[in-house]
Full PDB file with SEQRES, HELIX, SHEET, SSBOND, CRYST1, ORIGX, SCALE, CONECT and MASTER records, all heavy atoms in Angstrom:
SEQRES   1 A   31  ARG ALA SER ASP ILE ASP VAL VAL TRP LEU ASN GLY TYR          
SEQRES   2 A   31  GLY TRP PRO ALA GLU THR GLY GLY PRO MET PHE TRP ALA          
SEQRES   3 A   31  ASP GLN VAL GLY ALA                                          
HELIX    1 AA1 ALA A    2  GLY A   12  1                                  11    
HELIX    2 AA2 ALA A   17  THR A   19  5                                   3    
HELIX    3 AA3 PRO A   22  VAL A   29  1                                   8    
CRYST1    1.000    1.000    1.000  90.00  90.00  90.00 P 1           1          
ORIGX1      1.000000  0.000000  0.000000        0.00000                         
ORIGX2      0.000000  1.000000  0.000000        0.00000                         
ORIGX3      0.000000  0.000000  1.000000        0.00000                         
SCALE1      1.000000  0.000000  0.000000        0.00000                         
SCALE2      0.000000  1.000000  0.000000        0.00000                         
SCALE3      0.000000  0.000000  1.000000        0.00000                         
ATOM      1  N   ARG A   1     -16.854 -17.990 -11.462  1.00  0.00           N  
ATOM      2  CA  ARG A   1     -16.123 -16.717 -11.510  1.00  0.00           C  
ATOM      3  C   ARG A   1     -17.005 -15.628 -10.916  1.00  0.00           C  
ATOM      4  O   ARG A   1     -18.231 -15.769 -10.844  1.00  0.00           O  
ATOM      5  CB  ARG A   1     -15.741 -16.372 -12.954  1.00  0.00           C  
ATOM      6  CG  ARG A   1     -16.921 -16.332 -13.895  1.00  0.00           C  
ATOM      7  CD  ARG A   1     -16.503 -16.162 -15.349  1.00  0.00           C  
ATOM      8  NE  ARG A   1     -15.859 -17.345 -15.906  1.00  0.00           N  
ATOM      9  CZ  ARG A   1     -16.539 -18.375 -16.439  1.00  0.00           C  
ATOM     10  NH1 ARG A   1     -17.868 -18.386 -16.450  1.00  0.00           N  
ATOM     11  NH2 ARG A   1     -15.889 -19.405 -16.942  1.00  0.00           N  
ATOM     12  N   ALA A   2     -16.393 -14.542 -10.510  1.00  0.00           N  
ATOM     13  CA  ALA A   2     -17.134 -13.463  -9.861  1.00  0.00           C  
ATOM     14  C   ALA A   2     -18.191 -12.866 -10.779  1.00  0.00           C  
ATOM     15  O   ALA A   2     -19.303 -12.534 -10.341  1.00  0.00           O  
ATOM     16  CB  ALA A   2     -16.166 -12.377  -9.391  1.00  0.00           C  
ATOM     17  N   SER A   3     -17.880 -12.720 -12.055  1.00  0.00           N  
ATOM     18  CA  SER A   3     -18.848 -12.103 -12.971  1.00  0.00           C  
ATOM     19  C   SER A   3     -20.103 -12.948 -13.142  1.00  0.00           C  
ATOM     20  O   SER A   3     -21.176 -12.415 -13.448  1.00  0.00           O  
ATOM     21  CB  SER A   3     -18.202 -11.834 -14.330  1.00  0.00           C  
ATOM     22  OG  SER A   3     -17.762 -13.035 -14.938  1.00  0.00           O  
ATOM     23  N   ASP A   4     -20.005 -14.277 -12.925  1.00  0.00           N  
ATOM     24  CA  ASP A   4     -21.197 -15.125 -12.995  1.00  0.00           C  
ATOM     25  C   ASP A   4     -22.218 -14.727 -11.937  1.00  0.00           C  
ATOM     26  O   ASP A   4     -23.433 -14.838 -12.142  1.00  0.00           O  
ATOM     27  CB  ASP A   4     -20.822 -16.600 -12.794  1.00  0.00           C  
ATOM     28  CG  ASP A   4     -20.231 -17.239 -14.044  1.00  0.00           C  
ATOM     29  OD1 ASP A   4     -20.020 -16.515 -15.039  1.00  0.00           O  
ATOM     30  OD2 ASP A   4     -19.976 -18.456 -14.023  1.00  0.00           O  
ATOM     31  N   ILE A   5     -21.718 -14.278 -10.797  1.00  0.00           N  
ATOM     32  CA  ILE A   5     -22.619 -13.842  -9.721  1.00  0.00           C  
ATOM     33  C   ILE A   5     -23.420 -12.627 -10.182  1.00  0.00           C  
ATOM     34  O   ILE A   5     -24.623 -12.514  -9.919  1.00  0.00           O  
ATOM     35  CB  ILE A   5     -21.806 -13.542  -8.447  1.00  0.00           C  
ATOM     36  CG1 ILE A   5     -21.224 -14.854  -7.899  1.00  0.00           C  
ATOM     37  CG2 ILE A   5     -22.663 -12.838  -7.398  1.00  0.00           C  
ATOM     38  CD1 ILE A   5     -20.227 -14.676  -6.779  1.00  0.00           C  
ATOM     39  N   ASP A   6     -22.771 -11.729 -10.910  1.00  0.00           N  
ATOM     40  CA  ASP A   6     -23.494 -10.578 -11.455  1.00  0.00           C  
ATOM     41  C   ASP A   6     -24.530 -11.006 -12.479  1.00  0.00           C  
ATOM     42  O   ASP A   6     -25.644 -10.469 -12.519  1.00  0.00           O  
ATOM     43  CB  ASP A   6     -22.508  -9.592 -12.085  1.00  0.00           C  
ATOM     44  CG  ASP A   6     -21.716  -8.812 -11.052  1.00  0.00           C  
ATOM     45  OD1 ASP A   6     -22.130  -8.787  -9.879  1.00  0.00           O  
ATOM     46  OD2 ASP A   6     -20.673  -8.237 -11.409  1.00  0.00           O  
ATOM     47  N   VAL A   7     -24.195 -11.986 -13.320  1.00  0.00           N  
ATOM     48  CA  VAL A   7     -25.151 -12.466 -14.322  1.00  0.00           C  
ATOM     49  C   VAL A   7     -26.390 -13.033 -13.636  1.00  0.00           C  
ATOM     50  O   VAL A   7     -27.526 -12.797 -14.074  1.00  0.00           O  
ATOM     51  CB  VAL A   7     -24.491 -13.531 -15.235  1.00  0.00           C  
ATOM     52  CG1 VAL A   7     -25.515 -14.147 -16.189  1.00  0.00           C  
ATOM     53  CG2 VAL A   7     -23.350 -12.906 -16.037  1.00  0.00           C  
ATOM     54  N   VAL A   8     -26.188 -13.774 -12.543  1.00  0.00           N  
ATOM     55  CA  VAL A   8     -27.320 -14.315 -11.789  1.00  0.00           C  
ATOM     56  C   VAL A   8     -28.224 -13.192 -11.290  1.00  0.00           C  
ATOM     57  O   VAL A   8     -29.446 -13.206 -11.485  1.00  0.00           O  
ATOM     58  CB  VAL A   8     -26.827 -15.173 -10.599  1.00  0.00           C  
ATOM     59  CG1 VAL A   8     -27.971 -15.465  -9.624  1.00  0.00           C  
ATOM     60  CG2 VAL A   8     -26.222 -16.479 -11.098  1.00  0.00           C  
ATOM     61  N   TRP A   9     -27.621 -12.198 -10.668  1.00  0.00           N  
ATOM     62  CA  TRP A   9     -28.424 -11.157 -10.044  1.00  0.00           C  
ATOM     63  C   TRP A   9     -29.047 -10.176 -11.045  1.00  0.00           C  
ATOM     64  O   TRP A   9     -30.123  -9.637 -10.811  1.00  0.00           O  
ATOM     65  CB  TRP A   9     -27.610 -10.439  -8.966  1.00  0.00           C  
ATOM     66  CG  TRP A   9     -27.843 -11.151  -7.667  1.00  0.00           C  
ATOM     67  CD1 TRP A   9     -27.203 -12.264  -7.208  1.00  0.00           C  
ATOM     68  CD2 TRP A   9     -28.865 -10.857  -6.731  1.00  0.00           C  
ATOM     69  NE1 TRP A   9     -27.759 -12.670  -6.034  1.00  0.00           N  
ATOM     70  CE2 TRP A   9     -28.780 -11.824  -5.710  1.00  0.00           C  
ATOM     71  CE3 TRP A   9     -29.835  -9.867  -6.635  1.00  0.00           C  
ATOM     72  CZ2 TRP A   9     -29.644 -11.829  -4.616  1.00  0.00           C  
ATOM     73  CZ3 TRP A   9     -30.701  -9.864  -5.539  1.00  0.00           C  
ATOM     74  CH2 TRP A   9     -30.600 -10.837  -4.551  1.00  0.00           C  
ATOM     75  N   LEU A  10     -28.395  -9.975 -12.156  1.00  0.00           N  
ATOM     76  CA  LEU A  10     -28.950  -9.102 -13.191  1.00  0.00           C  
ATOM     77  C   LEU A  10     -30.136  -9.745 -13.898  1.00  0.00           C  
ATOM     78  O   LEU A  10     -31.100  -9.063 -14.254  1.00  0.00           O  
ATOM     79  CB  LEU A  10     -27.870  -8.751 -14.217  1.00  0.00           C  
ATOM     80  CG  LEU A  10     -26.764  -7.803 -13.747  1.00  0.00           C  
ATOM     81  CD1 LEU A  10     -25.585  -7.849 -14.705  1.00  0.00           C  
ATOM     82  CD2 LEU A  10     -27.289  -6.374 -13.612  1.00  0.00           C  
ATOM     83  N   ASN A  11     -30.088 -11.063 -14.072  1.00  0.00           N  
ATOM     84  CA  ASN A  11     -31.098 -11.739 -14.888  1.00  0.00           C  
ATOM     85  C   ASN A  11     -32.160 -12.488 -14.098  1.00  0.00           C  
ATOM     86  O   ASN A  11     -33.186 -12.869 -14.664  1.00  0.00           O  
ATOM     87  CB  ASN A  11     -30.410 -12.706 -15.858  1.00  0.00           C  
ATOM     88  CG  ASN A  11     -29.588 -11.983 -16.895  1.00  0.00           C  
ATOM     89  OD1 ASN A  11     -30.115 -11.434 -17.849  1.00  0.00           O  
ATOM     90  ND2 ASN A  11     -28.271 -11.969 -16.707  1.00  0.00           N  
ATOM     91  N   GLY A  12     -31.927 -12.689 -12.796  1.00  0.00           N  
ATOM     92  CA  GLY A  12     -32.901 -13.426 -12.011  1.00  0.00           C  
ATOM     93  C   GLY A  12     -33.510 -12.667 -10.860  1.00  0.00           C  
ATOM     94  O   GLY A  12     -34.569 -13.057 -10.352  1.00  0.00           O  
ATOM     95  N   TYR A  13     -32.885 -11.570 -10.448  1.00  0.00           N  
ATOM     96  CA  TYR A  13     -33.331 -10.897  -9.225  1.00  0.00           C  
ATOM     97  C   TYR A  13     -33.504  -9.391  -9.379  1.00  0.00           C  
ATOM     98  O   TYR A  13     -33.744  -8.696  -8.392  1.00  0.00           O  
ATOM     99  CB  TYR A  13     -32.339 -11.186  -8.090  1.00  0.00           C  
ATOM    100  CG  TYR A  13     -32.288 -12.639  -7.697  1.00  0.00           C  
ATOM    101  CD1 TYR A  13     -31.443 -13.526  -8.358  1.00  0.00           C  
ATOM    102  CD2 TYR A  13     -33.089 -13.139  -6.674  1.00  0.00           C  
ATOM    103  CE1 TYR A  13     -31.397 -14.870  -8.013  1.00  0.00           C  
ATOM    104  CE2 TYR A  13     -33.050 -14.473  -6.316  1.00  0.00           C  
ATOM    105  CZ  TYR A  13     -32.209 -15.344  -6.994  1.00  0.00           C  
ATOM    106  OH  TYR A  13     -32.168 -16.667  -6.650  1.00  0.00           O  
ATOM    107  N   GLY A  14     -33.353  -8.895 -10.593  1.00  0.00           N  
ATOM    108  CA  GLY A  14     -33.640  -7.484 -10.832  1.00  0.00           C  
ATOM    109  C   GLY A  14     -32.612  -6.505 -10.319  1.00  0.00           C  
ATOM    110  O   GLY A  14     -32.934  -5.327 -10.076  1.00  0.00           O  
ATOM    111  N   TRP A  15     -31.363  -6.960 -10.124  1.00  0.00           N  
ATOM    112  CA  TRP A  15     -30.329  -5.990  -9.737  1.00  0.00           C  
ATOM    113  C   TRP A  15     -30.243  -4.935 -10.838  1.00  0.00           C  
ATOM    114  O   TRP A  15     -30.192  -5.262 -12.017  1.00  0.00           O  
ATOM    115  CB  TRP A  15     -28.983  -6.690  -9.555  1.00  0.00           C  
ATOM    116  CG  TRP A  15     -27.935  -5.778  -8.992  1.00  0.00           C  
ATOM    117  CD1 TRP A  15     -27.253  -4.808  -9.669  1.00  0.00           C  
ATOM    118  CD2 TRP A  15     -27.478  -5.717  -7.643  1.00  0.00           C  
ATOM    119  NE1 TRP A  15     -26.390  -4.147  -8.825  1.00  0.00           N  
ATOM    120  CE2 TRP A  15     -26.497  -4.682  -7.569  1.00  0.00           C  
ATOM    121  CE3 TRP A  15     -27.768  -6.441  -6.478  1.00  0.00           C  
ATOM    122  CZ2 TRP A  15     -25.837  -4.361  -6.381  1.00  0.00           C  
ATOM    123  CZ3 TRP A  15     -27.110  -6.114  -5.295  1.00  0.00           C  
ATOM    124  CH2 TRP A  15     -26.155  -5.085  -5.258  1.00  0.00           C  
ATOM    125  N   PRO A  16     -30.221  -3.651 -10.485  1.00  0.00           N  
ATOM    126  CA  PRO A  16     -30.226  -2.602 -11.504  1.00  0.00           C  
ATOM    127  C   PRO A  16     -29.022  -2.677 -12.437  1.00  0.00           C  
ATOM    128  O   PRO A  16     -27.863  -2.621 -11.989  1.00  0.00           O  
ATOM    129  CB  PRO A  16     -30.229  -1.305 -10.686  1.00  0.00           C  
ATOM    130  CG  PRO A  16     -29.818  -1.699  -9.304  1.00  0.00           C  
ATOM    131  CD  PRO A  16     -30.247  -3.107  -9.110  1.00  0.00           C  
ATOM    132  N   ALA A  17     -29.301  -2.823 -13.723  1.00  0.00           N  
ATOM    133  CA  ALA A  17     -28.248  -3.068 -14.711  1.00  0.00           C  
ATOM    134  C   ALA A  17     -27.238  -1.934 -14.778  1.00  0.00           C  
ATOM    135  O   ALA A  17     -26.056  -2.157 -15.062  1.00  0.00           O  
ATOM    136  CB  ALA A  17     -28.874  -3.302 -16.085  1.00  0.00           C  
ATOM    137  N   GLU A  18     -27.678  -0.717 -14.500  1.00  0.00           N  
ATOM    138  CA  GLU A  18     -26.772   0.425 -14.620  1.00  0.00           C  
ATOM    139  C   GLU A  18     -25.634   0.376 -13.592  1.00  0.00           C  
ATOM    140  O   GLU A  18     -24.640   1.081 -13.729  1.00  0.00           O  
ATOM    141  CB  GLU A  18     -27.534   1.739 -14.497  1.00  0.00           C  
ATOM    142  CG  GLU A  18     -28.228   1.973 -13.172  1.00  0.00           C  
ATOM    143  CD  GLU A  18     -29.637   1.396 -13.109  1.00  0.00           C  
ATOM    144  OE1 GLU A  18     -29.988   0.553 -13.963  1.00  0.00           O  
ATOM    145  OE2 GLU A  18     -30.396   1.803 -12.201  1.00  0.00           O  
ATOM    146  N   THR A  19     -25.780  -0.456 -12.554  1.00  0.00           N  
ATOM    147  CA  THR A  19     -24.708  -0.602 -11.567  1.00  0.00           C  
ATOM    148  C   THR A  19     -23.849  -1.829 -11.856  1.00  0.00           C  
ATOM    149  O   THR A  19     -22.875  -2.083 -11.134  1.00  0.00           O  
ATOM    150  CB  THR A  19     -25.268  -0.706 -10.134  1.00  0.00           C  
ATOM    151  OG1 THR A  19     -25.919  -1.973  -9.975  1.00  0.00           O  
ATOM    152  CG2 THR A  19     -26.247   0.419  -9.841  1.00  0.00           C  
ATOM    153  N   GLY A  20     -24.197  -2.610 -12.885  1.00  0.00           N  
ATOM    154  CA  GLY A  20     -23.350  -3.717 -13.335  1.00  0.00           C  
ATOM    155  C   GLY A  20     -23.478  -5.012 -12.574  1.00  0.00           C  
ATOM    156  O   GLY A  20     -22.880  -6.008 -12.951  1.00  0.00           O  
ATOM    157  N   GLY A  21     -24.252  -5.048 -11.483  1.00  0.00           N  
ATOM    158  CA  GLY A  21     -24.336  -6.251 -10.657  1.00  0.00           C  
ATOM    159  C   GLY A  21     -23.589  -6.067  -9.355  1.00  0.00           C  
ATOM    160  O   GLY A  21     -22.791  -5.130  -9.204  1.00  0.00           O  
ATOM    161  N   PRO A  22     -23.814  -6.943  -8.374  1.00  0.00           N  
ATOM    162  CA  PRO A  22     -23.235  -6.725  -7.038  1.00  0.00           C  
ATOM    163  C   PRO A  22     -21.713  -6.685  -7.004  1.00  0.00           C  
ATOM    164  O   PRO A  22     -21.131  -5.900  -6.245  1.00  0.00           O  
ATOM    165  CB  PRO A  22     -23.777  -7.909  -6.213  1.00  0.00           C  
ATOM    166  CG  PRO A  22     -24.289  -8.899  -7.208  1.00  0.00           C  
ATOM    167  CD  PRO A  22     -24.707  -8.120  -8.402  1.00  0.00           C  
ATOM    168  N   MET A  23     -21.035  -7.489  -7.826  1.00  0.00           N  
ATOM    169  CA  MET A  23     -19.574  -7.516  -7.769  1.00  0.00           C  
ATOM    170  C   MET A  23     -18.957  -6.317  -8.477  1.00  0.00           C  
ATOM    171  O   MET A  23     -17.991  -5.712  -7.994  1.00  0.00           O  
ATOM    172  CB  MET A  23     -19.040  -8.823  -8.365  1.00  0.00           C  
ATOM    173  CG  MET A  23     -19.605 -10.067  -7.708  1.00  0.00           C  
ATOM    174  SD  MET A  23     -19.355 -10.099  -5.912  1.00  0.00           S  
ATOM    175  CE  MET A  23     -17.713 -10.789  -5.808  1.00  0.00           C  
ATOM    176  N   PHE A  24     -19.536  -5.942  -9.616  1.00  0.00           N  
ATOM    177  CA  PHE A  24     -19.074  -4.746 -10.328  1.00  0.00           C  
ATOM    178  C   PHE A  24     -19.305  -3.518  -9.447  1.00  0.00           C  
ATOM    179  O   PHE A  24     -18.435  -2.651  -9.312  1.00  0.00           O  
ATOM    180  CB  PHE A  24     -19.839  -4.619 -11.644  1.00  0.00           C  
ATOM    181  CG  PHE A  24     -19.374  -3.500 -12.535  1.00  0.00           C  
ATOM    182  CD1 PHE A  24     -18.413  -3.722 -13.509  1.00  0.00           C  
ATOM    183  CD2 PHE A  24     -19.911  -2.216 -12.421  1.00  0.00           C  
ATOM    184  CE1 PHE A  24     -17.984  -2.685 -14.338  1.00  0.00           C  
ATOM    185  CE2 PHE A  24     -19.494  -1.174 -13.235  1.00  0.00           C  
ATOM    186  CZ  PHE A  24     -18.529  -1.412 -14.207  1.00  0.00           C  
ATOM    187  N   TRP A  25     -20.477  -3.453  -8.834  1.00  0.00           N  
ATOM    188  CA  TRP A  25     -20.818  -2.334  -7.950  1.00  0.00           C  
ATOM    189  C   TRP A  25     -19.894  -2.289  -6.740  1.00  0.00           C  
ATOM    190  O   TRP A  25     -19.472  -1.213  -6.300  1.00  0.00           O  
ATOM    191  CB  TRP A  25     -22.277  -2.472  -7.513  1.00  0.00           C  
ATOM    192  CG  TRP A  25     -22.723  -1.534  -6.442  1.00  0.00           C  
ATOM    193  CD1 TRP A  25     -22.952  -0.198  -6.551  1.00  0.00           C  
ATOM    194  CD2 TRP A  25     -23.017  -1.880  -5.079  1.00  0.00           C  
ATOM    195  NE1 TRP A  25     -23.380   0.327  -5.346  1.00  0.00           N  
ATOM    196  CE2 TRP A  25     -23.424  -0.693  -4.428  1.00  0.00           C  
ATOM    197  CE3 TRP A  25     -22.991  -3.058  -4.352  1.00  0.00           C  
ATOM    198  CZ2 TRP A  25     -23.792  -0.669  -3.086  1.00  0.00           C  
ATOM    199  CZ3 TRP A  25     -23.357  -3.044  -3.014  1.00  0.00           C  
ATOM    200  CH2 TRP A  25     -23.747  -1.853  -2.394  1.00  0.00           C  
ATOM    201  N   ALA A  26     -19.550  -3.480  -6.203  1.00  0.00           N  
ATOM    202  CA  ALA A  26     -18.685  -3.526  -5.027  1.00  0.00           C  
ATOM    203  C   ALA A  26     -17.336  -2.890  -5.318  1.00  0.00           C  
ATOM    204  O   ALA A  26     -16.721  -2.277  -4.427  1.00  0.00           O  
ATOM    205  CB  ALA A  26     -18.494  -4.972  -4.573  1.00  0.00           C  
ATOM    206  N   ASP A  27     -16.861  -3.008  -6.549  1.00  0.00           N  
ATOM    207  CA  ASP A  27     -15.604  -2.357  -6.907  1.00  0.00           C  
ATOM    208  C   ASP A  27     -15.720  -0.839  -6.865  1.00  0.00           C  
ATOM    209  O   ASP A  27     -14.739  -0.139  -6.588  1.00  0.00           O  
ATOM    210  CB  ASP A  27     -15.144  -2.802  -8.302  1.00  0.00           C  
ATOM    211  CG  ASP A  27     -14.349  -4.094  -8.263  1.00  0.00           C  
ATOM    212  OD1 ASP A  27     -13.807  -4.427  -7.192  1.00  0.00           O  
ATOM    213  OD2 ASP A  27     -14.279  -4.774  -9.301  1.00  0.00           O  
ATOM    214  N   GLN A  28     -16.910  -0.335  -7.165  1.00  0.00           N  
ATOM    215  CA  GLN A  28     -17.101   1.122  -7.086  1.00  0.00           C  
ATOM    216  C   GLN A  28     -17.142   1.575  -5.624  1.00  0.00           C  
ATOM    217  O   GLN A  28     -16.672   2.671  -5.287  1.00  0.00           O  
ATOM    218  CB  GLN A  28     -18.412   1.535  -7.786  1.00  0.00           C  
ATOM    219  CG  GLN A  28     -18.695   0.854  -9.125  1.00  0.00           C  
ATOM    220  CD  GLN A  28     -17.545   0.944 -10.096  1.00  0.00           C  
ATOM    221  OE1 GLN A  28     -16.985   2.015 -10.311  1.00  0.00           O  
ATOM    222  NE2 GLN A  28     -17.194  -0.192 -10.699  1.00  0.00           N  
ATOM    223  N   VAL A  29     -17.707   0.742  -4.769  1.00  0.00           N  
ATOM    224  CA  VAL A  29     -17.795   1.080  -3.345  1.00  0.00           C  
ATOM    225  C   VAL A  29     -16.418   0.980  -2.696  1.00  0.00           C  
ATOM    226  O   VAL A  29     -16.002   1.848  -1.917  1.00  0.00           O  
ATOM    227  CB  VAL A  29     -18.792   0.130  -2.633  1.00  0.00           C  
ATOM    228  CG1 VAL A  29     -18.779   0.379  -1.116  1.00  0.00           C  
ATOM    229  CG2 VAL A  29     -20.202   0.313  -3.191  1.00  0.00           C  
ATOM    230  N   GLY A  30     -15.719  -0.121  -2.990  1.00  0.00           N  
ATOM    231  CA  GLY A  30     -14.401  -0.355  -2.418  1.00  0.00           C  
ATOM    232  C   GLY A  30     -14.431  -1.363  -1.282  1.00  0.00           C  
ATOM    233  O   GLY A  30     -15.298  -1.300  -0.396  1.00  0.00           O  
ATOM    234  N   ALA A  31     -13.494  -2.280  -1.302  1.00  0.00           N  
ATOM    235  CA  ALA A  31     -13.435  -3.329  -0.286  1.00  0.00           C  
ATOM    236  C   ALA A  31     -13.267  -2.784   1.132  1.00  0.00           C  
ATOM    237  O   ALA A  31     -13.885  -3.314   2.066  1.00  0.00           O  
ATOM    238  CB  ALA A  31     -12.318  -4.315  -0.623  1.00  0.00           C  
TER     239      ALA A  31                                                      
MASTER        0    0    0    3    0    0    0    6  238    1    0    3          
END                                                                             
């Protein structure tokens, strides 16, 4: 699922938690 990708990046690669992860953040940016 898409949210699993965020879990990977939040817990293994230091994606800033305040942005929710790459997929959550992408929704803020817009497709």
